[in-house]
């Protein structure tokens, strides 16, 4: 005699819905993540250079 509970066990969660969500195109600007990382780093470097060369 087989139990119906074992056959109705929930399946493991998948990331299919999550991938579908992030693959959707949205309106607006698309900015490369490398640019987002590069701009603050370059501003920090420029700030340090100004502090080094223009300090009294």
Protein backbone atom coordinates (compact mmCIF):
# COMPACT_ATOMS: atom_id res chain seq x y z
CA UNK A 1 0.00 0.00 0.00
CA UNK A 2 1.51 3.27 -1.08
CA UNK A 3 1.05 6.57 0.69
CA UNK A 4 -0.30 9.55 -1.25
CA UNK A 5 1.73 11.98 0.87
CA UNK A 6 5.03 10.80 -0.56
CA UNK A 7 3.81 11.40 -4.11
CA UNK A 8 2.51 14.88 -3.29
CA UNK A 9 5.79 16.11 -1.81
CA UNK A 10 6.67 19.66 -2.92
CA UNK A 11 9.31 20.03 -5.59
CA UNK A 12 12.50 21.94 -4.81
CA UNK A 13 12.39 25.64 -5.58
CA UNK A 14 14.01 26.70 -8.84
CA UNK A 15 15.41 30.03 -9.95
CA UNK A 16 13.45 29.98 -13.23
CA UNK A 17 11.17 32.85 -12.23
CA UNK A 18 14.07 34.93 -10.93
CA UNK A 19 16.02 34.58 -14.16
CA UNK A 20 12.95 35.46 -16.18
CA UNK A 21 12.48 38.61 -14.07
CA UNK A 22 16.00 39.92 -14.65
CA UNK A 23 16.00 39.10 -18.35
CA UNK A 24 13.03 41.36 -19.02
CA UNK A 25 13.87 44.57 -20.81
CA UNK A 26 12.91 47.76 -19.00
CA UNK A 27 12.67 51.29 -20.29
CA UNK A 28 15.34 53.74 -19.28
CA UNK A 29 19.08 54.08 -19.39
CA UNK A 30 21.30 51.04 -19.35
CA UNK A 31 24.64 51.69 -17.66
CA UNK A 32 27.48 49.20 -17.71
CA UNK A 33 28.40 48.12 -14.14
CA UNK A 34 32.09 48.67 -14.95
CA UNK A 35 31.35 52.38 -15.39
CA UNK A 36 29.57 52.51 -12.04
CA UNK A 37 32.65 51.05 -10.34
CA UNK A 38 35.20 53.07 -12.33
CA UNK A 39 33.75 56.55 -11.72
CA UNK A 40 33.97 56.55 -7.89
CA UNK A 41 37.43 54.95 -7.93
CA UNK A 42 38.71 57.56 -10.38
CA UNK A 43 37.20 60.38 -8.29
CA UNK A 44 38.98 59.05 -5.20
CA UNK A 45 42.29 58.89 -7.08
CA UNK A 46 41.87 62.43 -8.44
CA UNK A 47 41.04 63.64 -4.94
CA UNK A 48 44.19 62.02 -3.54
CA UNK A 49 46.33 63.50 -6.33
CA UNK A 50 44.94 66.99 -5.70
CA UNK A 51 45.61 66.57 -1.99
CA UNK A 52 49.20 65.40 -2.61
CA UNK A 53 50.21 68.00 -5.20
CA UNK A 54 48.31 71.05 -3.96
CA UNK A 55 48.84 70.59 -0.22
CA UNK A 56 50.85 73.39 1.40
